[in-house]
Each structure stands twice: as structure tokens, then as C-alpha cells.
Amino acid sequence: MTSHQVQLLFLDFGLILLLARGLGALAARIGQPPVVGEIVAGVILGPTLLGGLLADRLFPADVRPLLGALANIGVAVFMFVVGLELEHRFLRGRINITVGAAVGSTLVPFLLGIPLALFLLRHHPAEQRAAFVVFIGLSVSVTAFPVLARILVSRGMSRLAIGGLALATAAVVDVVAWSALAGVQAVVGGADSYWQVALLIPFALVLLALRPLLKRVLTYGGSGSGLTPTGLAVVMVGIFLSGAATELMGMHYIFGTFLFGALMPREGTEAVREQICARTGEITSLLLPVYFVVAGLKVDLRGVGLEGLTELAVILLVAIGGKFGGTYLGARSQGLTAEDSGTLAALMNTRGLTELVILGVGLELGLLDGPLYSLMVVMALVTTAMTGPLLNLIRARSARRELAAVPDLGAVGDVAGEDAGSPERGSRATG
């Protein structure tokens, strides 16, 4: 690295953190997840608002790979946390509702995504048409599990039954999404790489076999000692080796890091896992904003005309309608109330960073071109931002119904008083 590259790298990193933190805090103040502000920060620094002049000066071609490397580390740790936060206990006692909601939340938008993909192929041709169709269906079906979990915590819903159900449903949808994306990548990679997907099975078995040893390392010295520096180092080594393993298999590193987190030991490690989430959260809070900017540099909405706006409207219609309607119908089919089904549907419409990661993979695979990638990023931003207002609307309607159902006690008292004070009515009562 030259001295000029070092200067720009440090300048860019500081600017990214400053802008992401500022807009993230602003988003939180208006009731939005901070990730919305951070995504906007990435778009602002890209070519959309100020053209390519600012982006080319601040993020020249020789510095972008360095920022990309930092972003990849942040995403790798983020995907590990996604897997780590998946809890089997969320499924207890609610398997039928979870499966029904997850099927509706995945299948309906995916099926609607097929005609959407055929519509988009008119102006965004792809060599792998079948893979493109599957990818579009997948991209409108995903739910951002980590963003969803933070929305539930911020609204005090994480300990409610509907909160646990939302987390369980999102967990199932996430597993299906990442598995399907692995298959898409194998297909796009060529016929010679199909067999490499099967290597995930022995890889997962190795991780399962290592769970007792990993549990011993993490809980060394007793549960009261907490996460030791050695334990944290072992976790970080596992993250990067798992990512390298799936890259070696011909798949994206996110599959390895996600699988490592999902197969971490659960029993007896609750306190340590919370500390791991806290420590790795510090890493992702520093590095994920870099990913937003790297993603934002590829978003260019300057050339979006009437045709692009039409495509965006159709994408939003399918993504929102399919996700909300599918989740609602799936939950209602299992006996969930209309209000809870609507709440669950609004929560499952959250896409956030998970969607950006999937879109980034699609861009790398050549399934998305620049204009379509930009439109899909806008879809991810809009669907995440609308979760809060949708929940407020559902809560307000529920409150109005409850208020309408309560009798007017004052009016009842007045009527009773009039009855008691009426001589005519009194004479009838006594007569």
C-alpha cells in the first residue's frame, strides 16, 4: 500500500463511520431501525445524489478493494451472528403455526416472484434464465432475522408470544433462503461444481462433532468466568475457517460462517453466547457500515426513468403484497387471530441487511445488472422502513376496536339514574 492509499483508507473509514452513526441515530429518533439510516448513508456517498465525482475522489479504484476486504470481514461476522441467534426454543409449542406462517411467507412471494422475473427479463437479460427466475423469487421472499430481532427488542415485543413466533418463523425462512441461494450459486457456477454443494453435509457433520470440544473451550473455568480471550479467539478462527471452507467448495463464504453460528453449542452456554454476540456486535458495528457504502457505490438511480419507476413499482407490489399476504394467510390457516397474523406479516416484511447480502451475491454471480441491483436495494430499504409504521397502524386499529367494544359506563350510569329518579318508573317497580 502506498502512503496515499493509507491516507484515503483511513479518511474513508472515518467518514463512513461518522455518516453511518449519524444517520443511524437519526433513523432511530424517527422510529426506524438504525440500519435504514446506515443504508441511506451508503446511497448518499454513491453516485446517485452527487454523481460519480465525489465517489471517484473519495473512493478511487485502488482503495475500493481494501474497503471491500473490510466489508467482507464485517459480513462474515454478521452472518455468524445470524446463525448464532437462531434459537430452537422458539419453535417449542408453536411448530404448526411457525410452519404454516413460514410456508406462506416463503412460498407465496416466491411464486409471485416467477412472473416478476419474467417481466424483468425483458430489459435485464440474463444468461442463466432459470437461475435468474429462482433468484428473483428468493430475493422477494427473504426476511432479515437480525433486524427483526432488534425491532422486537426496541418495541418490547421480544418476550411476547407474537415476538417468539416471529423469530421462529424468520429463522425457518432464513434457513430456507440460504439453502436455496447455495443451490443457485452452484447452478450458476457450472455443471462441474454441482457436486461441491454436497460437501456441506460432511462439513456440517465435522462442526457437529466439534461441538463438545468447542463447548469445553467456551466454558473453561466454569460458567462464572465468562468469555475468555482464548474463547473469543477460537470463535473468530472458526468463523474465518468456515468461510474459507465454503469458498473452497465453490460457494460464498456467508454459508460457512452462517452454518458455524447455527451449529454452535447451545446447552449450558447461554451466558457465553450472549457475550459472544456482544463482542462480535462491536466488530460488526464498525465494519458493516463499510459494507453499506461498498454496496451504495454500486447503486446509481440517476438514469431511472418512467420504465425504471414502473419496474420498481411492480417489484414493491410483489415483494410487499406477496410477503404480507402469504404470511397472513399462512398464520390464519393455523388459527392465529387476525390481529396477530397482521402483526406477524408486518414483521416478516422486514428485509434490511440480509437482503443486501443476497443482492450482493446476485451481483457477483452476474444475475443482476447495475440498474436492477439499484432498484432491488431501494426495495430492501422501503420494505424495512415500512415495518414500524405498519406495526403502529395495526396497533392503532386494535386499540380503536377495543375502545369501541367497551360500553360507555357514564351513559349507563345516567340511564340508571334516570330510571331510579323517575316517579313513573318507580311506581311500576313498586307496584
Protein backbone atom coordinates (compact mmCIF):
# COMPACT_ATOMS: atom_id res chain seq x y z
CA MET A 1 0.00 0.00 0.00
CA THR A 2 1.21 3.46 -0.83
CA SER A 3 1.04 6.34 1.62
CA HIS A 4 -1.75 7.91 -0.45
CA GLN A 5 -3.80 4.72 -0.24
CA VAL A 6 -3.33 4.58 3.53
CA GLN A 7 -4.45 8.20 3.85
CA LEU A 8 -7.58 7.62 1.80
CA LEU A 9 -8.39 4.35 3.56
CA PHE A 10 -8.27 5.98 6.98
CA LEU A 11 -10.16 9.05 5.76
CA ASP A 12 -12.86 6.91 4.14
CA PHE A 13 -13.22 4.67 7.16
CA GLY A 14 -13.67 7.65 9.50
CA LEU A 15 -16.13 9.35 7.14
CA ILE A 16 -18.15 6.17 6.73
CA LEU A 17 -18.43 5.62 10.49
CA LEU A 18 -19.35 9.26 11.12
CA LEU A 19 -22.07 9.37 8.48
CA ALA A 20 -23.45 5.90 9.27
CA ARG A 21 -23.62 6.62 13.01
CA GLY A 22 -25.24 10.00 12.46
CA LEU A 23 -27.91 8.79 10.04
CA GLY A 24 -28.42 5.61 12.06
CA ALA A 25 -29.13 7.70 15.18
CA LEU A 26 -31.43 9.96 13.15
CA ALA A 27 -33.34 6.93 11.87
CA ALA A 28 -33.73 5.63 15.42
CA ARG A 29 -35.13 9.00 16.56
CA ILE A 30 -37.93 8.79 13.99
CA GLY A 31 -38.79 5.22 14.93
CA GLN A 32 -36.81 3.42 12.23
CA PRO A 33 -34.18 0.68 12.67
CA PRO A 34 -30.67 2.23 12.57
CA VAL A 35 -29.86 0.01 9.59
CA VAL A 36 -32.20 2.18 7.47
CA GLY A 37 -30.06 5.25 8.14
CA GLU A 38 -26.87 3.28 7.51
CA ILE A 39 -28.14 2.04 4.14
CA VAL A 40 -29.11 5.60 3.22
CA ALA A 41 -25.58 6.69 4.15
CA GLY A 42 -24.19 4.23 1.64
CA VAL A 43 -26.51 5.51 -1.09
CA ILE A 44 -25.63 9.15 -0.31
CA LEU A 45 -21.91 8.51 -0.75
CA GLY A 46 -22.56 6.69 -4.02
CA PRO A 47 -23.15 8.24 -7.44
CA THR A 48 -26.92 8.67 -7.10
CA LEU A 49 -27.06 12.12 -5.47
CA LEU A 50 -23.74 13.78 -6.24
CA GLY A 51 -22.76 11.92 -9.37
CA GLY A 52 -19.56 9.97 -9.75
CA LEU A 53 -17.33 12.95 -8.91
CA LEU A 54 -17.47 12.59 -5.12
CA ALA A 55 -17.41 8.78 -5.20
CA ASP A 56 -14.40 8.70 -7.55
CA ARG A 57 -12.45 11.21 -5.46
CA LEU A 58 -13.19 9.70 -2.06
CA PHE A 59 -13.25 6.06 -3.13
CA PRO A 60 -10.85 5.64 -6.06
CA ALA A 61 -10.49 2.29 -7.77
CA ASP A 62 -7.26 1.38 -5.94
CA VAL A 63 -8.88 1.89 -2.49
CA ARG A 64 -12.21 0.16 -3.07
CA PRO A 65 -10.74 -3.38 -2.86
CA LEU A 66 -9.33 -2.50 0.58
CA LEU A 67 -12.73 -1.27 1.74
CA GLY A 68 -14.27 -4.37 0.19
CA ALA A 69 -11.98 -6.57 2.28
CA LEU A 70 -13.10 -4.81 5.48
CA ALA A 71 -16.71 -5.14 4.37
CA ASN A 72 -16.30 -8.88 3.76
CA ILE A 73 -14.96 -9.38 7.27
CA GLY A 74 -17.94 -7.47 8.68
CA VAL A 75 -20.43 -9.52 6.68
CA ALA A 76 -18.72 -12.77 7.67
CA VAL A 77 -19.05 -11.94 11.37
CA PHE A 78 -22.60 -10.68 10.81
CA MET A 79 -23.67 -13.95 9.19
CA PHE A 80 -22.13 -15.87 12.07
CA VAL A 81 -24.26 -13.83 14.49
CA VAL A 82 -27.35 -14.54 12.36
CA GLY A 83 -26.71 -18.26 12.76
CA LEU A 84 -25.83 -17.91 16.43
CA GLU A 85 -29.07 -16.10 17.24
CA LEU A 86 -31.23 -18.85 15.76
CA GLU A 87 -32.92 -20.47 18.73
CA HIS A 88 -34.60 -23.87 18.64
CA ARG A 89 -36.60 -22.95 21.76
CA PHE A 90 -38.66 -20.50 19.73
CA LEU A 91 -40.22 -23.49 17.97
CA ARG A 92 -41.46 -25.18 21.13
CA GLY A 93 -45.23 -25.30 21.35
CA ARG A 94 -45.77 -23.37 18.13
CA ILE A 95 -44.47 -25.69 15.41
CA ASN A 96 -47.74 -25.81 13.44
CA ILE A 97 -48.19 -22.02 13.38
CA THR A 98 -44.50 -21.48 12.62
CA VAL A 99 -44.51 -23.91 9.72
CA GLY A 100 -47.78 -22.51 8.34
CA ALA A 101 -46.55 -18.91 8.55
CA ALA A 102 -43.10 -19.81 7.17
CA VAL A 103 -44.59 -21.69 4.21
CA GLY A 104 -46.88 -18.78 3.39
CA SER A 105 -44.11 -16.24 3.95
CA THR A 106 -41.77 -18.09 1.58
CA LEU A 107 -43.93 -19.86 -0.98
CA VAL A 108 -46.40 -17.08 -1.90
CA PRO A 109 -43.80 -14.34 -2.60
CA PHE A 110 -41.57 -16.89 -4.35
CA LEU A 111 -44.38 -17.94 -6.69
CA LEU A 112 -45.26 -14.30 -7.36
CA GLY A 113 -41.58 -13.69 -7.99
CA ILE A 114 -41.65 -16.02 -11.02
CA PRO A 115 -43.85 -13.77 -13.20
CA LEU A 116 -41.94 -10.78 -11.78
CA ALA A 117 -38.69 -12.31 -13.02
CA LEU A 118 -40.16 -12.95 -16.46
CA PHE A 119 -41.32 -9.32 -16.54
CA LEU A 120 -37.84 -8.08 -15.57
CA LEU A 121 -36.09 -10.29 -18.11
CA ARG A 122 -37.44 -8.08 -20.90
CA HIS A 123 -34.98 -5.31 -20.03
CA HIS A 124 -32.48 -7.18 -17.84
CA PRO A 125 -31.46 -10.26 -19.83
CA ALA A 126 -29.53 -12.99 -18.03
CA GLU A 127 -27.56 -15.91 -19.46
CA GLN A 128 -28.87 -18.23 -16.75
CA ARG A 129 -32.59 -17.55 -17.12
CA ALA A 130 -33.73 -20.33 -14.77
CA ALA A 131 -31.25 -19.24 -12.08
CA PHE A 132 -32.39 -15.63 -12.54
CA VAL A 133 -36.04 -16.60 -12.03
CA VAL A 134 -35.22 -18.56 -8.87
CA PHE A 135 -33.01 -15.76 -7.58
CA ILE A 136 -35.70 -13.09 -8.03
CA GLY A 137 -38.24 -15.32 -6.29
CA LEU A 138 -35.75 -15.83 -3.47
CA SER A 139 -34.92 -12.13 -3.16
CA VAL A 140 -38.56 -11.15 -2.57
CA SER A 141 -39.05 -14.00 -0.07
CA VAL A 142 -36.27 -13.23 2.42
CA THR A 143 -36.69 -11.79 5.94
CA ALA A 144 -33.91 -10.05 7.86
CA PHE A 145 -33.75 -12.09 11.08
CA PRO A 146 -31.24 -9.81 12.94
CA VAL A 147 -33.09 -6.59 12.06
CA LEU A 148 -36.37 -8.24 13.05
CA ALA A 149 -34.92 -9.28 16.42
CA ARG A 150 -33.77 -5.72 17.13
CA ILE A 151 -37.16 -4.28 16.16
CA LEU A 152 -38.83 -6.65 18.62
CA VAL A 153 -36.43 -5.66 21.41
CA SER A 154 -36.84 -1.92 20.75
CA ARG A 155 -40.65 -2.25 20.85
CA GLY A 156 -40.74 -4.51 23.92
CA MET A 157 -42.15 -7.41 21.89
CA SER A 158 -39.26 -9.86 22.23
CA ARG A 159 -40.76 -11.58 25.29
CA LEU A 160 -44.31 -11.67 23.94
CA ALA A 161 -45.74 -14.77 22.29
CA ILE A 162 -46.04 -12.99 18.93
CA GLY A 163 -42.39 -11.95 19.20
CA GLY A 164 -41.23 -15.52 19.74
CA LEU A 165 -43.42 -16.69 16.87
CA ALA A 166 -41.94 -14.02 14.57
CA LEU A 167 -38.40 -15.06 15.46
CA ALA A 168 -39.20 -18.75 14.92
CA THR A 169 -40.82 -18.03 11.54
CA ALA A 170 -37.96 -15.79 10.43
CA ALA A 171 -35.46 -18.46 11.46
CA VAL A 172 -37.14 -21.06 9.25
CA VAL A 173 -37.37 -18.61 6.35
CA ASP A 174 -33.67 -17.73 6.74
CA VAL A 175 -32.55 -21.35 6.64
CA VAL A 176 -34.63 -21.98 3.51
CA ALA A 177 -33.31 -18.80 1.88
CA TRP A 178 -29.63 -19.54 2.45
CA SER A 179 -30.04 -23.16 1.35
CA ALA A 180 -31.78 -22.07 -1.85
CA LEU A 181 -29.15 -19.43 -2.52
CA ALA A 182 -26.43 -22.07 -2.17
CA GLY A 183 -28.19 -24.13 -4.82
CA VAL A 184 -28.48 -21.11 -7.14
CA GLN A 185 -24.80 -20.38 -6.80
CA ALA A 186 -23.93 -24.00 -7.57
CA VAL A 187 -26.04 -23.86 -10.75
CA VAL A 188 -24.53 -20.59 -11.93
CA GLY A 189 -21.06 -21.90 -11.16
CA GLY A 190 -21.38 -24.53 -13.89
CA ALA A 191 -22.07 -28.23 -14.10
CA ASP A 192 -18.65 -29.19 -12.77
CA SER A 193 -19.39 -27.57 -9.42
CA TYR A 194 -22.78 -29.15 -8.72
CA TRP A 195 -21.28 -31.93 -6.67
CA GLN A 196 -19.47 -29.47 -4.40
CA VAL A 197 -22.72 -28.48 -2.69
CA ALA A 198 -22.84 -31.98 -1.22
CA LEU A 199 -19.64 -31.17 0.69
CA LEU A 200 -21.76 -29.04 3.00
CA ILE A 201 -23.05 -32.26 4.59
CA PRO A 202 -19.67 -33.62 5.80
CA PHE A 203 -18.67 -30.07 6.70
CA ALA A 204 -21.75 -29.73 8.92
CA LEU A 205 -21.04 -33.14 10.46
CA VAL A 206 -17.50 -32.03 11.31
CA LEU A 207 -18.87 -28.91 13.02
CA LEU A 208 -21.34 -31.07 14.97
CA ALA A 209 -18.54 -33.40 16.05
CA LEU A 210 -16.53 -30.42 17.30
CA ARG A 211 -19.39 -29.03 19.41
CA PRO A 212 -18.38 -30.79 22.66
CA LEU A 213 -14.79 -29.57 22.30
CA LEU A 214 -15.95 -26.07 21.46
CA LYS A 215 -18.30 -26.06 24.45
CA ARG A 216 -15.43 -27.07 26.73
CA VAL A 217 -13.26 -24.26 25.39
CA LEU A 218 -16.00 -21.65 25.75
CA THR A 219 -16.95 -22.67 29.30
CA TYR A 220 -13.40 -23.32 30.51
CA GLY A 221 -13.08 -22.30 34.16
CA GLY A 222 -16.80 -22.55 34.87
CA SER A 223 -19.83 -20.58 33.75
CA GLY A 224 -18.96 -17.69 36.07
CA SER A 225 -15.71 -16.89 34.28
CA GLY A 226 -17.49 -15.70 31.13
CA LEU A 227 -15.99 -15.46 27.69
CA THR A 228 -12.19 -15.61 27.84
CA PRO A 229 -9.83 -14.07 25.26
CA THR A 230 -8.93 -17.60 24.18
CA GLY A 231 -12.60 -18.48 23.72
CA LEU A 232 -13.20 -15.39 21.61
CA ALA A 233 -10.11 -16.14 19.52
CA VAL A 234 -11.33 -19.70 18.90
CA VAL A 235 -14.71 -18.35 17.77
CA MET A 236 -13.10 -15.86 15.38
CA VAL A 237 -10.83 -18.56 13.95
CA GLY A 238 -13.87 -20.79 13.46
CA ILE A 239 -15.71 -18.00 11.64
CA PHE A 240 -12.94 -17.36 9.13
CA LEU A 241 -12.02 -21.01 8.61
CA SER A 242 -15.67 -21.86 7.98
CA GLY A 243 -15.96 -19.04 5.47
CA ALA A 244 -12.78 -20.19 3.74
CA ALA A 245 -14.09 -23.77 3.64
CA THR A 246 -17.29 -22.91 1.77
CA GLU A 247 -15.37 -20.62 -0.60
CA LEU A 248 -13.13 -23.60 -1.32
CA MET A 249 -16.26 -25.66 -2.07
CA GLY A 250 -17.23 -23.10 -4.71
CA MET A 251 -19.88 -21.39 -2.59
CA HIS A 252 -20.00 -18.00 -0.91
CA TYR A 253 -18.25 -17.55 2.43
CA ILE A 254 -21.52 -16.45 4.05
CA PHE A 255 -22.78 -20.05 4.02
CA GLY A 256 -19.83 -21.27 6.07
CA THR A 257 -19.99 -18.51 8.67
CA PHE A 258 -23.78 -18.84 8.97
CA LEU A 259 -23.53 -22.60 9.43
CA PHE A 260 -20.80 -22.24 12.05
CA GLY A 261 -23.01 -19.90 14.06
CA ALA A 262 -26.10 -22.09 13.66
CA LEU A 263 -24.22 -25.19 14.91
CA MET A 264 -22.58 -23.54 17.92
CA PRO A 265 -23.24 -25.43 21.19
CA ARG A 266 -26.46 -24.29 22.90
CA GLU A 267 -26.95 -26.18 26.13
CA GLY A 268 -25.06 -24.68 29.06
CA THR A 269 -23.53 -21.83 27.03
CA GLU A 270 -26.32 -19.25 27.20
CA ALA A 271 -24.32 -16.62 29.10
CA VAL A 272 -21.22 -17.13 26.96
CA ARG A 273 -23.23 -16.88 23.75
CA GLU A 274 -24.69 -13.57 24.89
CA GLN A 275 -21.17 -12.29 25.46
CA ILE A 276 -20.09 -13.57 22.04
CA CYS A 277 -22.99 -11.70 20.45
CA ALA A 278 -21.99 -8.54 22.33
CA ARG A 279 -18.30 -8.77 21.35
CA THR A 280 -18.95 -9.66 17.73
CA GLY A 281 -21.61 -6.93 17.65
CA GLU A 282 -18.86 -4.42 18.37
CA ILE A 283 -16.97 -5.68 15.32
CA THR A 284 -19.98 -5.56 13.02
CA SER A 285 -20.94 -2.07 14.23
CA LEU A 286 -17.58 -0.87 12.91
CA LEU A 287 -17.33 -2.89 9.70
CA LEU A 288 -20.90 -3.26 8.43
CA PRO A 289 -21.21 0.47 7.59
CA VAL A 290 -18.31 -0.12 5.21
CA TYR A 291 -20.40 -2.79 3.51
CA PHE A 292 -23.28 -0.34 3.14
CA VAL A 293 -21.00 2.13 1.39
CA VAL A 294 -19.45 -0.53 -0.83
CA ALA A 295 -23.00 -1.58 -1.75
CA GLY A 296 -24.09 2.04 -2.12
CA LEU A 297 -21.29 2.80 -4.55
CA LYS A 298 -22.95 0.33 -6.92
CA VAL A 299 -26.37 1.97 -6.61
CA ASP A 300 -26.99 4.54 -9.31
CA LEU A 301 -30.56 5.80 -9.64
CA ARG A 302 -29.75 8.78 -11.86
CA GLY A 303 -30.85 7.01 -15.03
CA VAL A 304 -34.13 5.68 -13.65
CA GLY A 305 -36.88 6.91 -15.95
CA LEU A 306 -40.52 6.04 -16.31
CA GLU A 307 -39.63 2.47 -17.24
CA GLY A 308 -37.44 2.06 -14.17
CA LEU A 309 -40.11 3.54 -11.91
CA THR A 310 -42.62 1.09 -13.36
CA GLU A 311 -40.29 -1.80 -12.64
CA LEU A 312 -39.74 -0.52 -9.10
CA ALA A 313 -43.50 -0.26 -8.53
CA VAL A 314 -44.01 -3.85 -9.70
CA ILE A 315 -41.10 -5.09 -7.56
CA LEU A 316 -42.54 -3.36 -4.48
CA LEU A 317 -46.03 -4.67 -5.20
CA VAL A 318 -44.81 -8.26 -5.43
CA ALA A 319 -42.38 -8.01 -2.51
CA ILE A 320 -44.82 -6.34 -0.10
CA GLY A 321 -48.04 -7.97 -1.25
CA GLY A 322 -46.55 -11.45 -1.50
CA LYS A 323 -44.77 -11.31 1.83
CA PHE A 324 -47.60 -9.72 3.79
CA GLY A 325 -50.39 -11.70 2.16
CA GLY A 326 -48.54 -15.02 2.29
CA THR A 327 -47.59 -14.67 5.94
CA TYR A 328 -51.07 -13.53 6.91
CA LEU A 329 -52.81 -16.39 5.13
CA GLY A 330 -50.34 -18.94 6.47
CA ALA A 331 -50.81 -17.77 10.04
CA ARG A 332 -54.59 -17.53 9.77
CA SER A 333 -54.75 -21.06 8.36
CA GLN A 334 -53.29 -22.29 11.65
CA GLY A 335 -55.80 -20.45 13.83
CA LEU A 336 -53.85 -17.30 14.70
CA THR A 337 -56.03 -14.24 15.29
CA ALA A 338 -56.38 -11.61 12.56
CA GLU A 339 -54.51 -9.00 14.63
CA ASP A 340 -51.58 -11.29 15.44
CA SER A 341 -51.47 -12.51 11.85
CA GLY A 342 -51.26 -8.92 10.63
CA THR A 343 -48.53 -8.12 13.15
CA LEU A 344 -46.55 -11.19 12.08
CA ALA A 345 -46.98 -10.29 8.41
CA ALA A 346 -45.70 -6.75 9.02
CA LEU A 347 -42.66 -8.08 10.88
CA MET A 348 -41.81 -10.65 8.22
CA ASN A 349 -41.76 -7.91 5.57
CA THR A 350 -38.50 -6.63 7.11
CA ARG A 351 -35.55 -7.28 4.79
CA GLY A 352 -32.68 -4.99 5.82
CA LEU A 353 -29.06 -6.08 5.56
CA THR A 354 -29.91 -9.71 4.82
CA GLU A 355 -31.46 -8.61 1.54
CA LEU A 356 -28.37 -6.52 0.71
CA VAL A 357 -26.13 -9.53 1.27
CA ILE A 358 -28.24 -11.67 -1.06
CA LEU A 359 -28.34 -8.92 -3.68
CA GLY A 360 -24.58 -8.60 -3.45
CA VAL A 361 -24.22 -12.30 -4.17
CA GLY A 362 -26.56 -11.93 -7.16
CA LEU A 363 -24.45 -9.06 -8.48
CA GLU A 364 -21.25 -11.08 -8.09
CA LEU A 365 -22.83 -14.02 -9.92
CA GLY A 366 -23.90 -11.81 -12.80
CA LEU A 367 -27.59 -12.47 -12.22
CA LEU A 368 -28.28 -8.77 -11.59
CA ASP A 369 -27.11 -5.86 -13.67
CA GLY A 370 -26.41 -2.43 -12.19
CA PRO A 371 -29.84 -0.83 -12.77
CA LEU A 372 -31.78 -3.83 -11.44
CA TYR A 373 -29.46 -4.11 -8.44
CA SER A 374 -30.18 -0.44 -7.65
CA LEU A 375 -33.94 -1.00 -7.81
CA MET A 376 -33.74 -4.05 -5.56
CA VAL A 377 -31.72 -2.09 -2.99
CA VAL A 378 -34.48 0.52 -2.94
CA MET A 379 -36.99 -2.29 -2.36
CA ALA A 380 -34.95 -3.53 0.60
CA LEU A 381 -34.83 -0.03 2.05
CA VAL A 382 -38.56 0.65 1.58
CA THR A 383 -39.75 -2.68 3.00
CA THR A 384 -37.53 -2.29 6.06
CA ALA A 385 -38.60 1.31 6.66
CA MET A 386 -42.32 0.50 6.44
CA THR A 387 -42.24 -2.14 9.21
CA GLY A 388 -42.54 0.39 12.03
CA PRO A 389 -45.43 2.39 10.51
CA LEU A 390 -47.28 -0.85 9.69
CA LEU A 391 -46.97 -2.03 13.29
CA ASN A 392 -48.20 1.35 14.54
CA LEU A 393 -51.18 1.18 12.18
CA ILE A 394 -52.12 -2.33 13.29
CA ARG A 395 -51.78 -1.37 16.96
CA ALA A 396 -53.89 1.78 16.47
CA ARG A 397 -56.68 -0.15 14.73
CA SER A 398 -56.63 -2.76 17.51
CA ALA A 399 -56.86 -0.03 20.15
CA ARG A 400 -59.85 1.56 18.38
CA ARG A 401 -61.65 -1.78 18.21
CA GLU A 402 -61.04 -2.41 21.90
CA LEU A 403 -62.29 1.07 22.76
CA ALA A 404 -65.41 0.57 20.65
CA ALA A 405 -66.11 -2.73 22.40
CA VAL A 406 -66.07 -1.14 25.90
CA PRO A 407 -69.55 0.09 26.98
CA ASP A 408 -69.97 3.75 27.89
CA LEU A 409 -70.18 3.42 31.68
CA GLY A 410 -71.13 7.06 32.09
CA ALA A 411 -74.10 6.68 29.80
CA VAL A 412 -75.13 3.51 31.58
CA GLY A 413 -74.97 5.33 34.91
CA ASP A 414 -77.06 8.22 33.58
CA VAL A 415 -79.72 5.86 32.31
CA ALA A 416 -79.76 4.05 35.63
CA GLY A 417 -80.08 7.34 37.48
CA GLU A 418 -82.92 8.47 35.27
CA ASP A 419 -84.72 5.17 35.82
CA ALA A 420 -84.32 5.40 39.57
CA GLY A 421 -85.40 9.03 39.73
CA SER A 422 -88.47 8.67 37.53
CA PRO A 423 -91.72 8.53 39.55
CA GLU A 424 -93.42 6.68 36.80
CA ARG A 425 -90.73 4.03 36.59
CA GLY A 426 -90.53 3.88 40.38
CA SER A 427 -94.24 3.26 40.70
CA ARG A 428 -94.08 0.48 38.20
CA ALA A 429 -91.23 -1.11 40.14
CA THR A 430 -93.07 -0.96 43.42
CA GLY A 431 -96.49 -1.69 42.02
